[in-house]
Amino acid sequence: MTVHPAASSQAQGPALSTRRAKLFHGLAEPSRLRILYTLADGALNVTQIARRAGLTQSNTSNHLACMHGCGLVTSERDGRFVFYRHADEHVSMLLSVADRIVSESARDILECPQCETCL
């Protein structure tokens, strides 16, 4: 297994660890993940995202505001509509890697006795 240079012990300052934790905390919210996966195929407006993700429009807007502030999504106005998309290809890559980890470790994740207390 190759360790990315950013994962080395020298890259573990408190400020960086806090930013990483906030990123993963934001991704741990199921509705935000549904929104990010909904945006995997391209830009959509809030109504389209809400419908496809099975969320209310106001809930979707709140989550998008959070993810926009965190740099996970970008927005672009087109007339009276605002369209959201992944901020860059790294967000798509992160979702792809997460899917790979989940598929390869599905049984371990489901059977982990500690996960119930962590959530």
PDB file of N, CA and C in Angstrom:
ATOM      1  N   MET A   1       0.846  -1.174   0.000  1.00  0.00           N
ATOM      2  CA  MET A   1       0.000   0.000   0.000  1.00  0.00           C
ATOM      3  C   MET A   1       0.892   1.237   0.000  1.00  0.00           C
ATOM      4  N   THR A   2       0.614   2.156  -0.894  1.00  0.00           N
ATOM      5  CA  THR A   2       1.375   3.387  -0.990  1.00  0.00           C
ATOM      6  C   THR A   2       0.752   4.441  -0.103  1.00  0.00           C
ATOM      7  N   VAL A   3       1.563   5.105   0.690  1.00  0.00           N
ATOM      8  CA  VAL A   3       1.078   6.166   1.562  1.00  0.00           C
ATOM      9  C   VAL A   3       1.322   7.487   0.856  1.00  0.00           C
ATOM     10  N   HIS A   4       0.281   8.252   0.717  1.00  0.00           N
ATOM     11  CA  HIS A   4       0.390   9.568   0.096  1.00  0.00           C
ATOM     12  C   HIS A   4       1.230  10.462   0.997  1.00  0.00           C
ATOM     13  N   PRO A   5       2.077  11.305   0.427  1.00  0.00           N
ATOM     14  CA  PRO A   5       2.933  12.166   1.251  1.00  0.00           C
ATOM     15  C   PRO A   5       2.149  13.008   2.254  1.00  0.00           C
ATOM     16  N   ALA A   6       0.945  13.440   1.904  1.00  0.00           N
ATOM     17  CA  ALA A   6       0.153  14.267   2.823  1.00  0.00           C
ATOM     18  C   ALA A   6      -0.283  13.481   4.049  1.00  0.00           C
ATOM     19  N   ALA A   7      -0.242  12.153   3.966  1.00  0.00           N
ATOM     20  CA  ALA A   7      -0.661  11.328   5.093  1.00  0.00           C
ATOM     21  C   ALA A   7       0.495  11.037   6.046  1.00  0.00           C
ATOM     22  N   SER A   8       1.672  11.526   5.743  1.00  0.00           N
ATOM     23  CA  SER A   8       2.817  11.257   6.601  1.00  0.00           C
ATOM     24  C   SER A   8       2.663  11.982   7.933  1.00  0.00           C
ATOM     25  N   SER A   9       3.460  11.579   8.895  1.00  0.00           N
ATOM     26  CA  SER A   9       3.365  12.157  10.231  1.00  0.00           C
ATOM     27  C   SER A   9       3.710  13.641  10.246  1.00  0.00           C
ATOM     28  N   GLN A  10       4.532  14.112   9.299  1.00  0.00           N
ATOM     29  CA  GLN A  10       4.868  15.526   9.256  1.00  0.00           C
ATOM     30  C   GLN A  10       3.660  16.386   8.876  1.00  0.00           C
ATOM     31  N   ALA A  11       2.660  15.809   8.238  1.00  0.00           N
ATOM     32  CA  ALA A  11       1.496  16.561   7.778  1.00  0.00           C
ATOM     33  C   ALA A  11       0.354  16.527   8.786  1.00  0.00           C
ATOM     34  N   GLN A  12       0.636  16.145  10.028  1.00  0.00           N
ATOM     35  CA  GLN A  12      -0.415  15.959  11.018  1.00  0.00           C
ATOM     36  C   GLN A  12      -0.481  17.076  12.046  1.00  0.00           C
ATOM     37  N   GLY A  13      -0.347  18.317  11.623  1.00  0.00           N
ATOM     38  CA  GLY A  13      -0.489  19.431  12.556  1.00  0.00           C
ATOM     39  C   GLY A  13      -1.923  19.532  13.035  1.00  0.00           C
ATOM     40  N   PRO A  14      -2.148  20.148  14.189  1.00  0.00           N
ATOM     41  CA  PRO A  14      -3.499  20.257  14.746  1.00  0.00           C
ATOM     42  C   PRO A  14      -4.485  20.974  13.826  1.00  0.00           C
ATOM     43  N   ALA A  15      -4.059  22.033  13.181  1.00  0.00           N
ATOM     44  CA  ALA A  15      -4.974  22.774  12.300  1.00  0.00           C
ATOM     45  C   ALA A  15      -5.393  21.921  11.106  1.00  0.00           C
ATOM     46  N   LEU A  16      -4.456  21.224  10.517  1.00  0.00           N
ATOM     47  CA  LEU A  16      -4.773  20.362   9.379  1.00  0.00           C
ATOM     48  C   LEU A  16      -5.664  19.205   9.811  1.00  0.00           C
ATOM     49  N   SER A  17      -5.376  18.622  10.958  1.00  0.00           N
ATOM     50  CA  SER A  17      -6.212  17.527  11.460  1.00  0.00           C
ATOM     51  C   SER A  17      -7.645  18.000  11.700  1.00  0.00           C
ATOM     52  N   THR A  18      -7.800  19.211  12.207  1.00  0.00           N
ATOM     53  CA  THR A  18      -9.130  19.770  12.447  1.00  0.00           C
ATOM     54  C   THR A  18      -9.872  19.970  11.133  1.00  0.00           C
ATOM     55  N   ARG A  19      -9.193  20.499  10.117  1.00  0.00           N
ATOM     56  CA  ARG A  19      -9.842  20.695   8.809  1.00  0.00           C
ATOM     57  C   ARG A  19     -10.242  19.361   8.196  1.00  0.00           C
ATOM     58  N   ARG A  20      -9.375  18.369   8.314  1.00  0.00           N
ATOM     59  CA  ARG A  20      -9.713  17.038   7.796  1.00  0.00           C
ATOM     60  C   ARG A  20     -10.923  16.466   8.522  1.00  0.00           C
ATOM     61  N   ALA A  21     -10.949  16.612   9.834  1.00  0.00           N
ATOM     62  CA  ALA A  21     -12.075  16.097  10.623  1.00  0.00           C
ATOM     63  C   ALA A  21     -13.379  16.778  10.222  1.00  0.00           C
ATOM     64  N   LYS A  22     -13.332  18.091   9.984  1.00  0.00           N
ATOM     65  CA  LYS A  22     -14.539  18.807   9.565  1.00  0.00           C
ATOM     66  C   LYS A  22     -15.022  18.321   8.203  1.00  0.00           C
ATOM     67  N   LEU A  23     -14.095  18.068   7.299  1.00  0.00           N
ATOM     68  CA  LEU A  23     -14.464  17.535   5.988  1.00  0.00           C
ATOM     69  C   LEU A  23     -15.198  16.211   6.145  1.00  0.00           C
ATOM     70  N   PHE A  24     -14.623  15.291   6.903  1.00  0.00           N
ATOM     71  CA  PHE A  24     -15.240  13.977   7.055  1.00  0.00           C
ATOM     72  C   PHE A  24     -16.518  14.041   7.885  1.00  0.00           C
ATOM     73  N   HIS A  25     -16.581  14.973   8.816  1.00  0.00           N
ATOM     74  CA  HIS A  25     -17.820  15.162   9.577  1.00  0.00           C
ATOM     75  C   HIS A  25     -18.939  15.606   8.632  1.00  0.00           C
ATOM     76  N   GLY A  26     -18.623  16.523   7.738  1.00  0.00           N
ATOM     77  CA  GLY A  26     -19.607  16.972   6.758  1.00  0.00           C
ATOM     78  C   GLY A  26     -20.039  15.863   5.834  1.00  0.00           C
ATOM     79  N   LEU A  27     -19.113  15.016   5.454  1.00  0.00           N
ATOM     80  CA  LEU A  27     -19.432  13.897   4.572  1.00  0.00           C
ATOM     81  C   LEU A  27     -20.189  12.788   5.298  1.00  0.00           C
ATOM     82  N   ALA A  28     -20.152  12.790   6.622  1.00  0.00           N
ATOM     83  CA  ALA A  28     -20.821  11.744   7.401  1.00  0.00           C
ATOM     84  C   ALA A  28     -22.328  11.941   7.458  1.00  0.00           C
ATOM     85  N   GLU A  29     -22.836  13.063   6.997  1.00  0.00           N
ATOM     86  CA  GLU A  29     -24.270  13.337   7.020  1.00  0.00           C
ATOM     87  C   GLU A  29     -24.901  12.693   5.785  1.00  0.00           C
ATOM     88  N   PRO A  30     -25.806  11.727   5.961  1.00  0.00           N
ATOM     89  CA  PRO A  30     -26.363  10.987   4.814  1.00  0.00           C
ATOM     90  C   PRO A  30     -27.010  11.866   3.743  1.00  0.00           C
ATOM     91  N   SER A  31     -27.698  12.915   4.131  1.00  0.00           N
ATOM     92  CA  SER A  31     -28.341  13.773   3.124  1.00  0.00           C
ATOM     93  C   SER A  31     -27.299  14.479   2.261  1.00  0.00           C
ATOM     94  N   ARG A  32     -26.212  14.932   2.863  1.00  0.00           N
ATOM     95  CA  ARG A  32     -25.169  15.589   2.077  1.00  0.00           C
ATOM     96  C   ARG A  32     -24.517  14.601   1.115  1.00  0.00           C
ATOM     97  N   LEU A  33     -24.321  13.373   1.559  1.00  0.00           N
ATOM     98  CA  LEU A  33     -23.767  12.363   0.657  1.00  0.00           C
ATOM     99  C   LEU A  33     -24.717  12.090  -0.505  1.00  0.00           C
ATOM    100  N   ARG A  34     -26.018  12.002  -0.225  1.00  0.00           N
ATOM    101  CA  ARG A  34     -26.990  11.782  -1.304  1.00  0.00           C
ATOM    102  C   ARG A  34     -26.920  12.917  -2.310  1.00  0.00           C
ATOM    103  N   ILE A  35     -26.775  14.135  -1.827  1.00  0.00           N
ATOM    104  CA  ILE A  35     -26.663  15.284  -2.727  1.00  0.00           C
ATOM    105  C   ILE A  35     -25.394  15.185  -3.567  1.00  0.00           C
ATOM    106  N   LEU A  36     -24.279  14.865  -2.940  1.00  0.00           N
ATOM    107  CA  LEU A  36     -23.030  14.759  -3.690  1.00  0.00           C
ATOM    108  C   LEU A  36     -23.105  13.665  -4.744  1.00  0.00           C
ATOM    109  N   TYR A  37     -23.700  12.522  -4.393  1.00  0.00           N
ATOM    110  CA  TYR A  37     -23.846  11.455  -5.381  1.00  0.00           C
ATOM    111  C   TYR A  37     -24.818  11.860  -6.486  1.00  0.00           C
ATOM    112  N   THR A  38     -25.837  12.629  -6.153  1.00  0.00           N
ATOM    113  CA  THR A  38     -26.779  13.122  -7.152  1.00  0.00           C
ATOM    114  C   THR A  38     -26.069  14.030  -8.156  1.00  0.00           C
ATOM    115  N   LEU A  39     -25.092  14.790  -7.689  1.00  0.00           N
ATOM    116  CA  LEU A  39     -24.355  15.706  -8.559  1.00  0.00           C
ATOM    117  C   LEU A  39     -23.233  15.022  -9.341  1.00  0.00           C
ATOM    118  N   ALA A  40     -23.067  13.723  -9.170  1.00  0.00           N
ATOM    119  CA  ALA A  40     -21.977  13.014  -9.834  1.00  0.00           C
ATOM    120  C   ALA A  40     -22.065  13.088 -11.357  1.00  0.00           C
ATOM    121  N   ASP A  41     -23.264  13.216 -11.897  1.00  0.00           N
ATOM    122  CA  ASP A  41     -23.426  13.259 -13.354  1.00  0.00           C
ATOM    123  C   ASP A  41     -23.433  14.670 -13.924  1.00  0.00           C
ATOM    124  N   GLY A  42     -23.326  15.684 -13.067  1.00  0.00           N
ATOM    125  CA  GLY A  42     -23.269  17.043 -13.578  1.00  0.00           C
ATOM    126  C   GLY A  42     -24.124  18.014 -12.793  1.00  0.00           C
ATOM    127  N   ALA A  43     -24.147  19.235 -13.281  1.00  0.00           N
ATOM    128  CA  ALA A  43     -24.809  20.337 -12.589  1.00  0.00           C
ATOM    129  C   ALA A  43     -26.327  20.196 -12.597  1.00  0.00           C
ATOM    130  N   LEU A  44     -26.928  20.541 -11.452  1.00  0.00           N
ATOM    131  CA  LEU A  44     -28.381  20.522 -11.286  1.00  0.00           C
ATOM    132  C   LEU A  44     -28.789  21.709 -10.432  1.00  0.00           C
ATOM    133  N   ASN A  45     -30.052  22.127 -10.558  1.00  0.00           N
ATOM    134  CA  ASN A  45     -30.547  23.173  -9.666  1.00  0.00           C
ATOM    135  C   ASN A  45     -31.135  22.536  -8.409  1.00  0.00           C
ATOM    136  N   VAL A  46     -31.496  23.356  -7.446  1.00  0.00           N
ATOM    137  CA  VAL A  46     -31.951  22.858  -6.145  1.00  0.00           C
ATOM    138  C   VAL A  46     -33.180  21.959  -6.288  1.00  0.00           C
ATOM    139  N   THR A  47     -34.121  22.351  -7.119  1.00  0.00           N
ATOM    140  CA  THR A  47     -35.335  21.543  -7.304  1.00  0.00           C
ATOM    141  C   THR A  47     -34.998  20.166  -7.852  1.00  0.00           C
ATOM    142  N   GLN A  48     -34.117  20.112  -8.834  1.00  0.00           N
ATOM    143  CA  GLN A  48     -33.713  18.831  -9.420  1.00  0.00           C
ATOM    144  C   GLN A  48     -32.975  17.971  -8.403  1.00  0.00           C
ATOM    145  N   ILE A  49     -32.084  18.589  -7.650  1.00  0.00           N
ATOM    146  CA  ILE A  49     -31.320  17.848  -6.633  1.00  0.00           C
ATOM    147  C   ILE A  49     -32.263  17.288  -5.581  1.00  0.00           C
ATOM    148  N   ALA A  50     -33.155  18.127  -5.070  1.00  0.00           N
ATOM    149  CA  ALA A  50     -34.090  17.698  -4.023  1.00  0.00           C
ATOM    150  C   ALA A  50     -34.926  16.521  -4.497  1.00  0.00           C
ATOM    151  N   ARG A  51     -35.451  16.608  -5.701  1.00  0.00           N
ATOM    152  CA  ARG A  51     -36.292  15.527  -6.244  1.00  0.00           C
ATOM    153  C   ARG A  51     -35.496  14.231  -6.371  1.00  0.00           C
ATOM    154  N   ARG A  52     -34.311  14.320  -6.953  1.00  0.00           N
ATOM    155  CA  ARG A  52     -33.501  13.110  -7.183  1.00  0.00           C
ATOM    156  C   ARG A  52     -32.943  12.517  -5.893  1.00  0.00           C
ATOM    157  N   ALA A  53     -32.665  13.372  -4.915  1.00  0.00           N
ATOM    158  CA  ALA A  53     -32.098  12.888  -3.648  1.00  0.00           C
ATOM    159  C   ALA A  53     -33.175  12.523  -2.635  1.00  0.00           C
ATOM    160  N   GLY A  54     -34.439  12.833  -2.938  1.00  0.00           N
ATOM    161  CA  GLY A  54     -35.523  12.504  -2.023  1.00  0.00           C
ATOM    162  C   GLY A  54     -35.547  13.386  -0.785  1.00  0.00           C
ATOM    163  N   LEU A  55     -35.204  14.656  -0.961  1.00  0.00           N
ATOM    164  CA  LEU A  55     -35.152  15.596   0.153  1.00  0.00           C
ATOM    165  C   LEU A  55     -36.100  16.767  -0.128  1.00  0.00           C
ATOM    166  N   THR A  56     -36.407  17.536   0.904  1.00  0.00           N
ATOM    167  CA  THR A  56     -37.181  18.754   0.676  1.00  0.00           C
ATOM    168  C   THR A  56     -36.264  19.809   0.072  1.00  0.00           C
ATOM    169  N   GLN A  57     -36.868  20.786  -0.579  1.00  0.00           N
ATOM    170  CA  GLN A  57     -36.073  21.826  -1.205  1.00  0.00           C
ATOM    171  C   GLN A  57     -35.335  22.673  -0.171  1.00  0.00           C
ATOM    172  N   SER A  58     -35.993  22.985   0.947  1.00  0.00           N
ATOM    173  CA  SER A  58     -35.318  23.805   1.964  1.00  0.00           C
ATOM    174  C   SER A  58     -34.169  23.038   2.616  1.00  0.00           C
ATOM    175  N   ASN A  59     -34.373  21.747   2.868  1.00  0.00           N
ATOM    176  CA  ASN A  59     -33.312  20.921   3.435  1.00  0.00           C
ATOM    177  C   ASN A  59     -32.135  20.851   2.470  1.00  0.00           C
ATOM    178  N   THR A  60     -32.436  20.662   1.197  1.00  0.00           N
ATOM    179  CA  THR A  60     -31.394  20.604   0.172  1.00  0.00           C
ATOM    180  C   THR A  60     -30.622  21.913   0.117  1.00  0.00           C
ATOM    181  N   SER A  61     -31.332  23.032   0.148  1.00  0.00           N
ATOM    182  CA  SER A  61     -30.681  24.350   0.109  1.00  0.00           C
ATOM    183  C   SER A  61     -29.747  24.541   1.288  1.00  0.00           C
ATOM    184  N   ASN A  62     -30.177  24.129   2.469  1.00  0.00           N
ATOM    185  CA  ASN A  62     -29.330  24.254   3.663  1.00  0.00           C
ATOM    186  C   ASN A  62     -28.055  23.423   3.532  1.00  0.00           C
ATOM    187  N   HIS A  63     -28.197  22.190   3.061  1.00  0.00           N
ATOM    188  CA  HIS A  63     -27.025  21.329   2.893  1.00  0.00           C
ATOM    189  C   HIS A  63     -26.093  21.882   1.820  1.00  0.00           C
ATOM    190  N   LEU A  64     -26.660  22.393   0.730  1.00  0.00           N
ATOM    191  CA  LEU A  64     -25.836  22.958  -0.332  1.00  0.00           C
ATOM    192  C   LEU A  64     -25.057  24.173   0.166  1.00  0.00           C
ATOM    193  N   ALA A  65     -25.691  24.989   0.992  1.00  0.00           N
ATOM    194  CA  ALA A  65     -24.999  26.153   1.554  1.00  0.00           C
ATOM    195  C   ALA A  65     -23.798  25.702   2.382  1.00  0.00           C
ATOM    196  N   CYS A  66     -23.983  24.658   3.170  1.00  0.00           N
ATOM    197  CA  CYS A  66     -22.890  24.108   3.984  1.00  0.00           C
ATOM    198  C   CYS A  66     -21.776  23.585   3.080  1.00  0.00           C
ATOM    199  N   MET A  67     -22.138  22.797   2.090  1.00  0.00           N
ATOM    200  CA  MET A  67     -21.125  22.201   1.216  1.00  0.00           C
ATOM    201  C   MET A  67     -20.456  23.251   0.331  1.00  0.00           C
ATOM    202  N   HIS A  68     -21.184  24.297  -0.007  1.00  0.00           N
ATOM    203  CA  HIS A  68     -20.591  25.390  -0.781  1.00  0.00           C
ATOM    204  C   HIS A  68     -19.549  26.106   0.086  1.00  0.00           C
ATOM    205  N   GLY A  69     -19.902  26.356   1.340  1.00  0.00           N
ATOM    206  CA  GLY A  69     -18.978  27.001   2.267  1.00  0.00           C
ATOM    207  C   GLY A  69     -17.733  26.178   2.540  1.00  0.00           C
ATOM    208  N   CYS A  70     -17.874  24.865   2.498  1.00  0.00           N
ATOM    209  CA  CYS A  70     -16.743  23.965   2.730  1.00  0.00           C
ATOM    210  C   CYS A  70     -15.929  23.705   1.474  1.00  0.00           C
ATOM    211  N   GLY A  71     -16.400  24.191   0.339  1.00  0.00           N
ATOM    212  CA  GLY A  71     -15.662  24.005  -0.902  1.00  0.00           C
ATOM    213  C   GLY A  71     -15.900  22.678  -1.592  1.00  0.00           C
ATOM    214  N   LEU A  72     -16.978  21.967  -1.228  1.00  0.00           N
ATOM    215  CA  LEU A  72     -17.272  20.691  -1.880  1.00  0.00           C
ATOM    216  C   LEU A  72     -18.083  20.871  -3.161  1.00  0.00           C
ATOM    217  N   VAL A  73     -18.890  21.934  -3.231  1.00  0.00           N
ATOM    218  CA  VAL A  73     -19.672  22.228  -4.432  1.00  0.00           C
ATOM    219  C   VAL A  73     -19.460  23.685  -4.828  1.00  0.00           C
ATOM    220  N   THR A  74     -19.681  23.951  -6.088  1.00  0.00           N
ATOM    221  CA  THR A  74     -19.675  25.323  -6.594  1.00  0.00           C
ATOM    222  C   THR A  74     -21.047  25.605  -7.171  1.00  0.00           C
ATOM    223  N   SER A  75     -21.339  26.874  -7.363  1.00  0.00           N
ATOM    224  CA  SER A  75     -22.633  27.253  -7.928  1.00  0.00           C
ATOM    225  C   SER A  75     -22.432  28.256  -9.050  1.00  0.00           C
ATOM    226  N   GLU A  76     -23.399  28.237  -9.960  1.00  0.00           N
ATOM    227  CA  GLU A  76     -23.369  29.163 -11.081  1.00  0.00           C
ATOM    228  C   GLU A  76     -24.799  29.548 -11.411  1.00  0.00           C
ATOM    229  N   ARG A  77     -25.038  30.844 -11.483  1.00  0.00           N
ATOM    230  CA  ARG A  77     -26.379  31.340 -11.783  1.00  0.00           C
ATOM    231  C   ARG A  77     -26.596  31.333 -13.291  1.00  0.00           C
ATOM    232  N   ASP A  78     -27.776  30.863 -13.682  1.00  0.00           N
ATOM    233  CA  ASP A  78     -28.205  30.899 -15.079  1.00  0.00           C
ATOM    234  C   ASP A  78     -29.631  31.422 -15.083  1.00  0.00           C
ATOM    235  N   GLY A  79     -29.777  32.712 -15.300  1.00  0.00           N
ATOM    236  CA  GLY A  79     -31.099  33.336 -15.208  1.00  0.00           C
ATOM    237  C   GLY A  79     -31.562  33.334 -13.766  1.00  0.00           C
ATOM    238  N   ARG A  80     -32.742  32.778 -13.540  1.00  0.00           N
ATOM    239  CA  ARG A  80     -33.259  32.748 -12.166  1.00  0.00           C
ATOM    240  C   ARG A  80     -32.888  31.471 -11.419  1.00  0.00           C
ATOM    241  N   PHE A  81     -32.151  30.584 -12.072  1.00  0.00           N
ATOM    242  CA  PHE A  81     -31.761  29.328 -11.441  1.00  0.00           C
ATOM    243  C   PHE A  81     -30.283  29.346 -11.056  1.00  0.00           C
ATOM    244  N   VAL A  82     -29.988  28.659  -9.971  1.00  0.00           N
ATOM    245  CA  VAL A  82     -28.602  28.451  -9.552  1.00  0.00           C
ATOM    246  C   VAL A  82     -28.326  26.965  -9.716  1.00  0.00           C
ATOM    247  N   PHE A  83     -27.266  26.649 -10.436  1.00  0.00           N
ATOM    248  CA  PHE A  83     -26.885  25.261 -10.665  1.00  0.00           C
ATOM    249  C   PHE A  83     -25.660  24.920  -9.834  1.00  0.00           C
ATOM    250  N   TYR A  84     -25.699  23.751  -9.223  1.00  0.00           N
ATOM    251  CA  TYR A  84     -24.611  23.278  -8.356  1.00  0.00           C
ATOM    252  C   TYR A  84     -23.921  22.102  -9.022  1.00  0.00           C
ATOM    253  N   ARG A  85     -22.641  21.990  -8.748  1.00  0.00           N
ATOM    254  CA  ARG A  85     -21.832  20.862  -9.239  1.00  0.00           C
ATOM    255  C   ARG A  85     -20.722  20.604  -8.233  1.00  0.00           C
ATOM    256  N   HIS A  86     -20.058  19.462  -8.373  1.00  0.00           N
ATOM    257  CA  HIS A  86     -18.880  19.193  -7.542  1.00  0.00           C
ATOM    258  C   HIS A  86     -17.866  20.303  -7.772  1.00  0.00           C
ATOM    259  N   ALA A  87     -17.173  20.684  -6.722  1.00  0.00           N
ATOM    260  CA  ALA A  87     -16.203  21.773  -6.821  1.00  0.00           C
ATOM    261  C   ALA A  87     -15.093  21.462  -7.824  1.00  0.00           C
ATOM    262  N   ASP A  88     -14.668  20.223  -7.869  1.00  0.00           N
ATOM    263  CA  ASP A  88     -13.670  19.790  -8.842  1.00  0.00           C
ATOM    264  C   ASP A  88     -13.664  18.269  -8.895  1.00  0.00           C
ATOM    265  N   GLU A  89     -12.769  17.732  -9.705  1.00  0.00           N
ATOM    266  CA  GLU A  89     -12.735  16.272  -9.894  1.00  0.00           C
ATOM    267  C   GLU A  89     -12.336  15.526  -8.633  1.00  0.00           C
ATOM    268  N   HIS A  90     -11.723  16.205  -7.665  1.00  0.00           N
ATOM    269  CA  HIS A  90     -11.323  15.525  -6.431  1.00  0.00           C
ATOM    270  C   HIS A  90     -12.533  15.067  -5.617  1.00  0.00           C
ATOM    271  N   VAL A  91     -13.622  15.819  -5.675  1.00  0.00           N
ATOM    272  CA  VAL A  91     -14.838  15.402  -4.964  1.00  0.00           C
ATOM    273  C   VAL A  91     -15.364  14.116  -5.584  1.00  0.00           C
ATOM    274  N   SER A  92     -15.398  14.056  -6.903  1.00  0.00           N
ATOM    275  CA  SER A  92     -15.842  12.841  -7.593  1.00  0.00           C
ATOM    276  C   SER A  92     -14.921  11.672  -7.281  1.00  0.00           C
ATOM    277  N   MET A  93     -13.616  11.942  -7.248  1.00  0.00           N
ATOM    278  CA  MET A  93     -12.647  10.897  -6.928  1.00  0.00           C
ATOM    279  C   MET A  93     -12.846  10.388  -5.509  1.00  0.00           C
ATOM    280  N   LEU A  94     -13.119  11.301  -4.570  1.00  0.00           N
ATOM    281  CA  LEU A  94     -13.338  10.923  -3.182  1.00  0.00           C
ATOM    282  C   LEU A  94     -14.537   9.987  -3.067  1.00  0.00           C
ATOM    283  N   LEU A  95     -15.627  10.310  -3.777  1.00  0.00           N
ATOM    284  CA  LEU A  95     -16.809   9.446  -3.750  1.00  0.00           C
ATOM    285  C   LEU A  95     -16.508   8.078  -4.356  1.00  0.00           C
ATOM    286  N   SER A  96     -15.726   8.068  -5.415  1.00  0.00           N
ATOM    287  CA  SER A  96     -15.355   6.808  -6.054  1.00  0.00           C
ATOM    288  C   SER A  96     -14.509   5.939  -5.125  1.00  0.00           C
ATOM    289  N   VAL A  97     -13.551   6.548  -4.455  1.00  0.00           N
ATOM    290  CA  VAL A  97     -12.707   5.808  -3.501  1.00  0.00           C
ATOM    291  C   VAL A  97     -13.550   5.304  -2.332  1.00  0.00           C
ATOM    292  N   ALA A  98     -14.469   6.135  -1.846  1.00  0.00           N
ATOM    293  CA  ALA A  98     -15.351   5.712  -0.753  1.00  0.00           C
ATOM    294  C   ALA A  98     -16.172   4.496  -1.170  1.00  0.00           C
ATOM    295  N   ASP A  99     -16.685   4.508  -2.398  1.00  0.00           N
ATOM    296  CA  ASP A  99     -17.453   3.360  -2.888  1.00  0.00           C
ATOM    297  C   ASP A  99     -16.596   2.099  -2.939  1.00  0.00           C
ATOM    298  N   ARG A 100     -15.355   2.258  -3.357  1.00  0.00           N
ATOM    299  CA  ARG A 100     -14.461   1.105  -3.428  1.00  0.00           C
ATOM    300  C   ARG A 100     -14.188   0.545  -2.028  1.00  0.00           C
ATOM    301  N   ILE A 101     -13.939   1.425  -1.078  1.00  0.00           N
ATOM    302  CA  ILE A 101     -13.683   0.979   0.292  1.00  0.00           C
ATOM    303  C   ILE A 101     -14.909   0.267   0.849  1.00  0.00           C
ATOM    304  N   VAL A 102     -16.073   0.852   0.640  1.00  0.00           N
ATOM    305  CA  VAL A 102     -17.309   0.261   1.151  1.00  0.00           C
ATOM    306  C   VAL A 102     -17.566  -1.100   0.506  1.00  0.00           C
ATOM    307  N   SER A 103     -17.366  -1.210  -0.794  1.00  0.00           N
ATOM    308  CA  SER A 103     -17.633  -2.493  -1.451  1.00  0.00           C
ATOM    309  C   SER A 103     -16.651  -3.570  -1.021  1.00  0.00           C
ATOM    310  N   GLU A 104     -15.406  -3.183  -0.773  1.00  0.00           N
ATOM    311  CA  GLU A 104     -14.398  -4.161  -0.368  1.00  0.00           C
ATOM    312  C   GLU A 104     -14.483  -4.513   1.113  1.00  0.00           C
ATOM    313  N   SER A 105     -15.065  -3.635   1.911  1.00  0.00           N
ATOM    314  CA  SER A 105     -15.134  -3.853   3.354  1.00  0.00           C
ATOM    315  C   SER A 105     -16.564  -3.897   3.863  1.00  0.00           C
ATOM    316  N   ALA A 106     -17.514  -4.159   2.992  1.00  0.00           N
ATOM    317  CA  ALA A 106     -18.931  -4.070   3.356  1.00  0.00           C
ATOM    318  C   ALA A 106     -19.270  -4.906   4.584  1.00  0.00           C
ATOM    319  N   ARG A 107     -18.825  -6.145   4.613  1.00  0.00           N
ATOM    320  CA  ARG A 107     -19.156  -7.007   5.745  1.00  0.00           C
ATOM    321  C   ARG A 107     -18.541  -6.481   7.033  1.00  0.00           C
ATOM    322  N   ASP A 108     -17.293  -6.070   6.977  1.00  0.00           N
ATOM    323  CA  ASP A 108     -16.629  -5.526   8.163  1.00  0.00           C
ATOM    324  C   ASP A 108     -17.360  -4.285   8.678  1.00  0.00           C
ATOM    325  N   ILE A 109     -17.757  -3.411   7.759  1.00  0.00           N
ATOM    326  CA  ILE A 109     -18.460  -2.187   8.146  1.00  0.00           C
ATOM    327  C   ILE A 109     -19.785  -2.536   8.799  1.00  0.00           C
ATOM    328  N   LEU A 110     -20.540  -3.435   8.189  1.00  0.00           N
ATOM    329  CA  LEU A 110     -21.856  -3.814   8.723  1.00  0.00           C
ATOM    330  C   LEU A 110     -21.761  -4.525  10.068  1.00  0.00           C
ATOM    331  N   GLU A 111     -20.701  -5.300  10.268  1.00  0.00           N
ATOM    332  CA  GLU A 111     -20.579  -6.089  11.482  1.00  0.00           C
ATOM    333  C   GLU A 111     -19.755  -5.407  12.580  1.00  0.00           C
ATOM    334  N   CYS A 112     -19.257  -4.221  12.331  1.00  0.00           N
ATOM    335  CA  CYS A 112     -18.428  -3.531  13.319  1.00  0.00           C
ATOM    336  C   CYS A 112     -19.258  -3.163  14.560  1.00  0.00           C
ATOM    337  N   PRO A 113     -18.893  -3.733  15.725  1.00  0.00           N
ATOM    338  CA  PRO A 113     -19.672  -3.448  16.942  1.00  0.00           C
ATOM    339  C   PRO A 113     -19.474  -2.003  17.441  1.00  0.00           C
ATOM    340  N   GLN A 114     -18.408  -1.367  17.028  1.00  0.00           N
ATOM    341  CA  GLN A 114     -18.136  -0.011  17.476  1.00  0.00           C
ATOM    342  C   GLN A 114     -18.886   1.055  16.689  1.00  0.00           C
ATOM    343  N   CYS A 115     -19.284   0.750  15.451  1.00  0.00           N
ATOM    344  CA  CYS A 115     -19.939   1.757  14.610  1.00  0.00           C
ATOM    345  C   CYS A 115     -21.244   2.262  15.205  1.00  0.00           C
ATOM    346  N   GLU A 116     -21.977   1.430  15.892  1.00  0.00           N
ATOM    347  CA  GLU A 116     -23.231   1.858  16.479  1.00  0.00           C
ATOM    348  C   GLU A 116     -23.003   2.937  17.534  1.00  0.00           C
ATOM    349  N   THR A 117     -21.904   2.834  18.279  1.00  0.00           N
ATOM    350  CA  THR A 117     -21.649   3.819  19.325  1.00  0.00           C
ATOM    351  C   THR A 117     -20.997   5.083  18.771  1.00  0.00           C
ATOM    352  N   CYS A 118     -20.407   4.984  17.568  1.00  0.00           N
ATOM    353  CA  CYS A 118     -19.751   6.148  16.965  1.00  0.00           C
ATOM    354  C   CYS A 118     -20.749   7.089  16.311  1.00  0.00           C
ATOM    355  N   LEU A 119     -21.879   6.576  15.883  1.00  0.00           N
ATOM    356  CA  LEU A 119     -22.832   7.408  15.136  1.00  0.00           C
ATOM    357  C   LEU A 119     -23.672   8.214  16.020  1.00  0.00           C
TER     358      LEU A 119
END
